[in-house]
Amino acid sequence: VGLAMVPAGSDPKMDLLAMSSDDSEDSEAEDEVEAEVVDAATASRLVFLRGLLSGEGEGADARGQDPSSMAFYGYHEEYVRLLSSVCRAAKEGGSERDAHNAIATQLRKARERFASFFPLSADHWVQWIQDEKLLQEQDESKDEGDVDPYVVEEVAKRGLEDNPAEPDLWLAYASSTKTSTKRKVFEEACQACGTHVKQGSKVWQAYVDFLLRLRRNKNNSGADEANANAYDNADAFEGKGKGEEDVRKVFQRAMRVPLEGLDQLYEKYCVFEKQSGGLSSEKQAEVLKELEGEKRKSQSFLQERASYENGLLGSQDDTSVMGTFQSYLKYENKYGDPTRVISLFERLVSRFPCYETCWDKFGSYVESQLKNHSFARKVYWRGVRNCGQWSQQLWLKLLRRTLGDGDVTPEEKGKVLDLYNSHHKNTTPAFDLNIQQHQQHYQQQQQQQQQEQQQSV
């Protein structure tokens, strides 16, 4: 998509924000931001993209397509990226509050529209969280550094629905929550992505740093009362006076997980034990020796998988990486445990989110090996969010589970049908016919089962 795609006759210095606001009172502030931070090329590009995505621009008329189709993904992505850069430039340039808020409103609307049409990557959600924090800091009605955790937290939660095993997103989520609930979030993060070979250690590291920080605040007589009380909160620790043991347990749990970066965690643990003074020298030596043994076992376990991990490096081409994932999954399925298999499948769909085969195999594993239909529905749901505009197979499997499982709520069924209707605009008649026939088939099966149950009674 090049900058040459600008409607003929458009003014490069057109009011950038007038395209999203009908309020004439905003025009002066909008012009000020445009003059300060938006060059002519960027202004023209933003005007064109907004018209294209709203269906009001010349480009949209020429294409004759709906902005929710995959053909428009790159345009949504570019529009959000440019608006984000404008927002940051406006803040750094010291623009007036009203002018900056006008840009911020436009950015939020663009992101909401983008997220309503497509599942966003973890990187997109992390950037959203960072921008949201920045936008709130700009709000002069708040004290400096005061960020509403609820707003940012809700953005993070939505991101985790699309990317439930992404370490960076979990860390962004943890950083947005209140002190009293952070431990619960970190525990969920360790369960969701603590086994991620490449990035799991930074989740454990952040968890440990949080516990150590609370411990220092508790021991510091000059610590503020809020932090001290948070330490004693039942949601943060098991009980008063157990902070040292809590830190020790998290370190020990981390050492038992095959991860890159265990040496750094072990070194931090050694420093912690020496500084805490909670154990005798004999007991401390015993504990350190035992934990070093756990670390070596984990590293040996990891070394057995080194060839697979090397094959997943970003420098490899997609075909090679896909083949490595397939071999790696076979190995883990044979010698590993379900937790590691799931972790690897999450890494697979994160790397190849638009490959329906990856989602299909992921869901099939959950169905056949774990026998977890609720989890399988979530996998297929995420799959159709990414590939549903062209994948009949994923839609068929999602509908089979949604219509056939007895624990599906009306809300969940409605959510699936709403998504299908939104994709319906971009599918072929043959696709729709196949889906309808499959849906009718399972409805007939349900009616037959109900009749058999009534007769048996």
Foldseek 3Di string as FASTA:
>chain_A
DDLVPFDPPDFLLPQQLVLPDPDPVLSVLSSVLCVQQNDSSLSRLLVQLSCLQVCNHPVVVVVVDHCLDPVNLVSLVVNLVSLLVSLVSCVVVVRDLSSSVSSVVVNVVSVVVSVVRFQDALVVLLSVLVSQQVNQCSPPVDDHSDHDLVVSLVSLVSNCLLQVQDLSSLVSNLVSDDLLQSLVSLVSNCLRHCQPAEPNVVSLVVNLVSLVVLVVLCVDPPRDPVSVVSCQRCNNDVHPPCSLVVSVVSLLVSLQHQHPPNVVSLVVVLVSCVVVPPDDPVVSVVSSVVSVVSNVVSPVVVVVCVVLVVQCDPVHDPVSVVVSLVVSLVVCVVPNDPSVNLNSLSVVCSVVVQDLVSLVVNLVCCCPPVVDLVVSLSSLVSNCSRHVLPDLVSLLVNLCSQLPDPVHDPVNVVVSVVVVVVSVSRHDPVSVVVNVVSNVVSVVVVVVVVVVVVVVD
